[in-house]
Amino acid sequence: MDSNTSFTLAIEDLTVSFDGFKAVDSLNFYLDENELHVVIGPNGAGKTTVLDLICGKTKSTSGSIKFLNKELTNMSEHAIVNEGVGRKFQTPSIYENLSVLENLEISYPHGRGVYGSLMFKRSDKVLAKIKETAKEIMLLDDLDTEAGLLSHGQKQWLEIGMLLIQDPQLLMLDEPVAGMSVKEREQTADLLKKICKGRSVLVIEHDMEFVERIAHKVTVLHQGKILATGNMDEVQKDPKVIEVYLGH
């Protein structure tokens, strides 16, 4: 397929083999601007590996990953982040002993790293951006709270905020609602719907109720290949998908 500039992400013929086992097998996957796309599939389907490939943590055996028409496969993880790709892993990596405000400040592009933030004056512009981000992630009233004291869900939101403040064009989240309360899941669904206005969001998730609530589009992975893509309704009715899920 001819690469079309309107895709935020275009993955073509992507393959990665670990000792002859194809974890991802000739994958073609396209993500539109402002699209919230959820990837589901049984354990071992290759979901997390796809995120690892996009963010440069794992190098592909063959194929292409284009982000805003720029090839990522030979770039370092750091360079890919600088291009505007943000990723949140399953376990939150926040600075537990710093406040919510300080966590967001350290993540602000000019304050990268602890040394950067020591040299870094907290200007009105930065403070405004921190407050705007904190409001978006529902932590505006908790700016002075030590991050370690937040609830599990709030820690997840803080980490999303630490990515948002860098203004990525692609945000990737690995099981963002795992371990959350029902109310936190609902709030996270609303948050993700908001943040995909102005960027593309790629989510890996197991919680089907949550997927149904947020997804514009769903892709089902199975054994490193795409089994089905469409809206939740189409995918749930697909006989191949039913077979894989009921077979597990």
Protein backbone atom coordinates (compact mmCIF):
# COMPACT_ATOMS: atom_id res chain seq x y z
CA MET A 1 0.00 0.00 0.00
CA ASP A 2 1.25 3.47 -0.82
CA SER A 3 2.09 5.39 2.35
CA ASN A 4 -0.46 8.08 2.84
CA THR A 5 0.60 11.18 4.74
CA SER A 6 -2.73 11.36 6.55
CA PHE A 7 -1.79 8.39 8.75
CA THR A 8 -0.16 9.19 12.06
CA LEU A 9 1.27 5.69 12.05
CA ALA A 10 1.73 3.31 9.13
CA ILE A 11 3.16 -0.13 9.87
CA GLU A 12 3.87 -2.33 6.84
CA ASP A 13 5.09 -5.95 6.62
CA LEU A 14 6.47 -5.72 10.14
CA THR A 15 8.06 -8.92 11.39
CA VAL A 16 10.13 -9.73 14.44
CA SER A 17 11.53 -13.19 15.14
CA PHE A 18 12.96 -14.36 18.45
CA ASP A 19 14.98 -17.55 17.81
CA GLY A 20 12.85 -18.47 14.81
CA PHE A 21 9.56 -17.74 16.59
CA LYS A 22 7.66 -14.94 14.85
CA ALA A 23 6.25 -12.81 17.67
CA VAL A 24 4.94 -10.36 15.07
CA ASP A 25 4.35 -11.73 11.60
CA SER A 26 4.05 -9.48 8.47
CA LEU A 27 1.90 -6.94 10.29
CA ASN A 28 0.12 -4.13 8.41
CA PHE A 29 -1.49 -1.57 10.68
CA TYR A 30 -2.64 2.03 10.13
CA LEU A 31 -3.57 4.64 12.70
CA ASP A 32 -5.37 7.82 11.71
CA GLU A 33 -5.01 11.30 13.17
CA ASN A 34 -7.08 11.83 16.33
CA GLU A 35 -7.98 8.15 16.40
CA LEU A 36 -8.32 6.13 19.59
CA HIS A 37 -7.41 2.60 18.52
CA VAL A 38 -7.43 -0.35 20.91
CA VAL A 39 -5.47 -3.55 20.30
CA ILE A 40 -6.86 -6.64 21.98
CA GLY A 41 -5.97 -10.31 21.81
CA PRO A 42 -5.15 -13.30 23.99
CA ASN A 43 -1.90 -13.46 25.97
CA GLY A 44 1.09 -14.06 23.71
CA ALA A 45 -0.65 -12.45 20.72
CA GLY A 46 2.22 -9.96 20.32
CA LYS A 47 0.45 -6.84 21.62
CA THR A 48 3.20 -5.49 23.87
CA THR A 49 5.84 -6.48 21.30
CA VAL A 50 4.15 -4.18 18.77
CA LEU A 51 4.48 -1.26 21.21
CA ASP A 52 8.11 -2.25 21.88
CA LEU A 53 8.77 -2.14 18.13
CA ILE A 54 7.11 1.26 17.65
CA CYS A 55 9.03 2.89 20.51
CA GLY A 56 12.36 1.30 19.51
CA LYS A 57 12.76 -0.92 22.58
CA THR A 58 12.82 -3.95 20.27
CA LYS A 59 14.25 -3.85 16.74
CA SER A 60 12.27 -5.45 13.93
CA THR A 61 13.63 -8.24 11.75
CA SER A 62 12.02 -6.64 8.69
CA GLY A 63 9.32 -4.20 7.64
CA SER A 64 8.59 -0.53 8.11
CA ILE A 65 7.16 1.71 10.84
CA LYS A 66 6.40 5.23 9.66
CA PHE A 67 5.32 7.91 12.12
CA LEU A 68 4.05 11.06 10.37
CA ASN A 69 5.77 9.64 7.30
CA LYS A 70 9.16 9.31 9.02
CA GLU A 71 10.79 5.86 9.26
CA LEU A 72 11.34 4.84 12.91
CA THR A 73 12.88 1.38 12.57
CA ASN A 74 16.51 2.59 12.74
CA MET A 75 16.00 5.31 15.35
CA SER A 76 16.98 5.06 19.01
CA GLU A 77 14.29 5.03 21.72
CA HIS A 78 15.34 8.54 22.75
CA ALA A 79 15.09 9.89 19.19
CA ILE A 80 11.62 8.34 18.80
CA VAL A 81 10.42 10.10 21.98
CA ASN A 82 11.80 13.37 20.62
CA GLU A 83 9.84 12.83 17.40
CA GLY A 84 6.63 12.89 19.46
CA VAL A 85 5.90 9.28 20.43
CA GLY A 86 5.01 8.80 24.11
CA ARG A 87 4.55 5.48 25.84
CA LYS A 88 3.21 4.45 29.20
CA PHE A 89 4.14 1.01 30.48
CA GLN A 90 1.99 -1.22 32.68
CA THR A 91 3.63 -0.20 35.95
CA PRO A 92 3.63 3.54 36.58
CA SER A 93 7.10 5.08 36.68
CA ILE A 94 6.55 8.24 38.65
CA TYR A 95 8.82 9.88 41.21
CA GLU A 96 7.02 8.75 44.39
CA ASN A 97 8.81 11.20 46.72
CA LEU A 98 8.18 14.27 44.57
CA SER A 99 4.93 16.24 44.41
CA VAL A 100 2.51 15.99 41.49
CA LEU A 101 3.70 19.42 40.37
CA GLU A 102 7.39 18.38 40.47
CA ASN A 103 6.66 15.17 38.55
CA LEU A 104 5.01 17.20 35.78
CA GLU A 105 7.78 19.80 35.88
CA ILE A 106 10.54 17.21 35.42
CA SER A 107 8.65 15.84 32.42
CA TYR A 108 8.29 19.25 30.76
CA PRO A 109 10.43 19.22 27.58
CA HIS A 110 12.94 21.86 28.75
CA GLY A 111 13.27 20.30 32.16
CA ARG A 112 14.21 16.84 30.86
CA GLY A 113 16.02 14.87 33.48
CA VAL A 114 16.83 15.84 37.04
CA TYR A 115 19.87 17.91 36.07
CA GLY A 116 17.81 19.80 33.50
CA SER A 117 15.22 20.68 36.11
CA LEU A 118 17.83 22.03 38.55
CA MET A 119 18.97 24.50 35.90
CA PHE A 120 15.42 25.25 35.03
CA LYS A 121 13.45 28.25 36.24
CA ARG A 122 9.75 27.64 36.83
CA SER A 123 8.36 30.31 34.50
CA ASP A 124 4.71 31.37 34.25
CA LYS A 125 4.49 29.58 30.91
CA VAL A 126 5.66 26.31 32.45
CA LEU A 127 3.40 26.71 35.46
CA ALA A 128 0.42 27.39 33.19
CA LYS A 129 1.19 24.23 31.21
CA ILE A 130 1.57 22.19 34.42
CA LYS A 131 -1.81 23.43 35.71
CA GLU A 132 -3.53 22.82 32.38
CA THR A 133 -2.16 19.26 32.29
CA ALA A 134 -3.04 18.64 35.96
CA LYS A 135 -6.61 19.76 35.30
CA GLU A 136 -6.84 17.41 32.32
CA ILE A 137 -5.67 14.42 34.42
CA MET A 138 -7.99 15.41 37.32
CA LEU A 139 -5.14 16.24 39.70
CA LEU A 140 -5.34 20.04 39.83
CA ASP A 141 -6.26 19.94 43.53
CA ASP A 142 -3.35 17.58 44.24
CA LEU A 143 -0.41 19.57 42.83
CA ASP A 144 1.33 19.71 46.23
CA THR A 145 0.56 16.09 47.12
CA GLU A 146 3.49 13.68 47.23
CA ALA A 147 2.98 11.30 44.31
CA GLY A 148 3.50 8.23 46.50
CA LEU A 149 0.33 9.14 48.44
CA LEU A 150 -1.94 9.11 45.37
CA SER A 151 -4.37 6.25 44.73
CA HIS A 152 -3.39 3.63 42.15
CA GLY A 153 -5.62 5.25 39.53
CA GLN A 154 -4.29 8.73 40.23
CA LYS A 155 -0.71 7.48 39.82
CA GLN A 156 -1.68 6.15 36.39
CA TRP A 157 -3.21 9.53 35.50
CA LEU A 158 -0.09 11.33 36.69
CA GLU A 159 2.02 9.20 34.42
CA ILE A 160 -0.30 9.95 31.50
CA GLY A 161 0.10 13.64 32.42
CA MET A 162 3.90 13.29 32.39
CA LEU A 163 3.57 12.15 28.78
CA LEU A 164 0.90 14.70 27.83
CA ILE A 165 3.02 17.64 29.00
CA GLN A 166 5.53 16.66 26.29
CA ASP A 167 2.70 17.02 23.77
CA PRO A 168 3.22 13.75 21.87
CA GLN A 169 1.40 13.22 18.57
CA LEU A 170 1.12 9.51 19.36
CA LEU A 171 0.41 8.25 22.86
CA MET A 172 0.65 4.52 23.58
CA LEU A 173 -0.83 3.02 26.75
CA ASP A 174 -0.38 -0.56 27.91
CA GLU A 175 -3.38 -1.73 29.98
CA PRO A 176 -4.11 1.68 31.51
CA VAL A 177 -7.03 0.56 33.72
CA ALA A 178 -5.52 -2.60 35.22
CA GLY A 179 -6.14 -2.61 38.97
CA MET A 180 -8.38 0.46 38.95
CA SER A 181 -11.67 0.89 40.77
CA VAL A 182 -14.88 1.06 38.73
CA LYS A 183 -15.12 4.83 39.19
CA GLU A 184 -11.46 5.32 38.18
CA ARG A 185 -12.07 3.25 35.03
CA GLU A 186 -14.98 5.49 34.08
CA GLN A 187 -12.88 8.61 34.69
CA THR A 188 -10.00 7.14 32.68
CA ALA A 189 -12.36 6.42 29.78
CA ASP A 190 -13.42 10.08 29.79
CA LEU A 191 -9.78 11.18 30.01
CA LEU A 192 -8.73 9.09 27.00
CA LYS A 193 -11.66 10.36 24.96
CA LYS A 194 -10.49 13.91 25.69
CA ILE A 195 -6.81 13.39 24.96
CA CYS A 196 -7.37 11.84 21.53
CA LYS A 197 -8.63 15.20 20.29
CA GLY A 198 -5.43 16.53 18.78
CA ARG A 199 -3.39 13.32 18.85
CA SER A 200 -3.61 9.62 18.11
CA VAL A 201 -3.88 7.17 20.99
CA LEU A 202 -3.02 3.48 20.81
CA VAL A 203 -4.18 1.37 23.75
CA ILE A 204 -3.62 -2.28 24.67
CA GLU A 205 -6.38 -3.53 26.91
CA HIS A 206 -8.01 -6.70 28.26
CA ASP A 207 -11.06 -5.14 29.85
CA MET A 208 -13.73 -5.48 27.16
CA GLU A 209 -16.25 -3.22 28.84
CA PHE A 210 -13.61 -0.48 28.89
CA VAL A 211 -12.66 -1.12 25.25
CA GLU A 212 -16.29 -0.80 24.24
CA ARG A 213 -16.49 2.52 26.04
CA ILE A 214 -13.45 4.17 24.42
CA ALA A 215 -12.48 2.61 21.11
CA HIS A 216 -13.05 4.25 17.75
CA LYS A 217 -11.48 1.18 16.20
CA VAL A 218 -10.39 -2.22 17.50
CA THR A 219 -7.72 -4.54 16.13
CA VAL A 220 -7.55 -8.15 17.29
CA LEU A 221 -4.09 -9.70 17.29
CA HIS A 222 -3.55 -13.44 17.42
CA GLN A 223 -0.17 -15.17 17.17
CA GLY A 224 1.50 -12.04 15.81
CA LYS A 225 -1.03 -11.52 13.02
CA ILE A 226 -4.12 -9.34 12.68
CA LEU A 227 -7.26 -11.40 13.00
CA ALA A 228 -9.77 -8.57 12.54
CA THR A 229 -10.05 -4.77 12.52
CA GLY A 230 -13.16 -2.64 12.76
CA ASN A 231 -15.47 -1.11 15.32
CA MET A 232 -16.19 -3.08 18.49
CA ASP A 233 -19.49 -4.39 17.17
CA GLU A 234 -18.00 -5.75 13.92
CA VAL A 235 -15.07 -7.32 15.70
CA GLN A 236 -17.23 -9.01 18.35
CA LYS A 237 -19.37 -10.60 15.63
CA ASP A 238 -16.40 -11.84 13.59
CA PRO A 239 -16.45 -15.68 13.59
CA LYS A 240 -12.62 -15.89 13.69
CA VAL A 241 -12.52 -13.66 16.75
CA ILE A 242 -15.27 -15.62 18.50
CA GLU A 243 -13.37 -18.84 17.84
CA VAL A 244 -10.09 -17.51 19.26
CA TYR A 245 -11.69 -16.02 22.35
CA LEU A 246 -14.03 -18.91 23.09
CA GLY A 247 -11.21 -21.33 22.33
CA HIS A 248 -9.22 -19.75 25.18
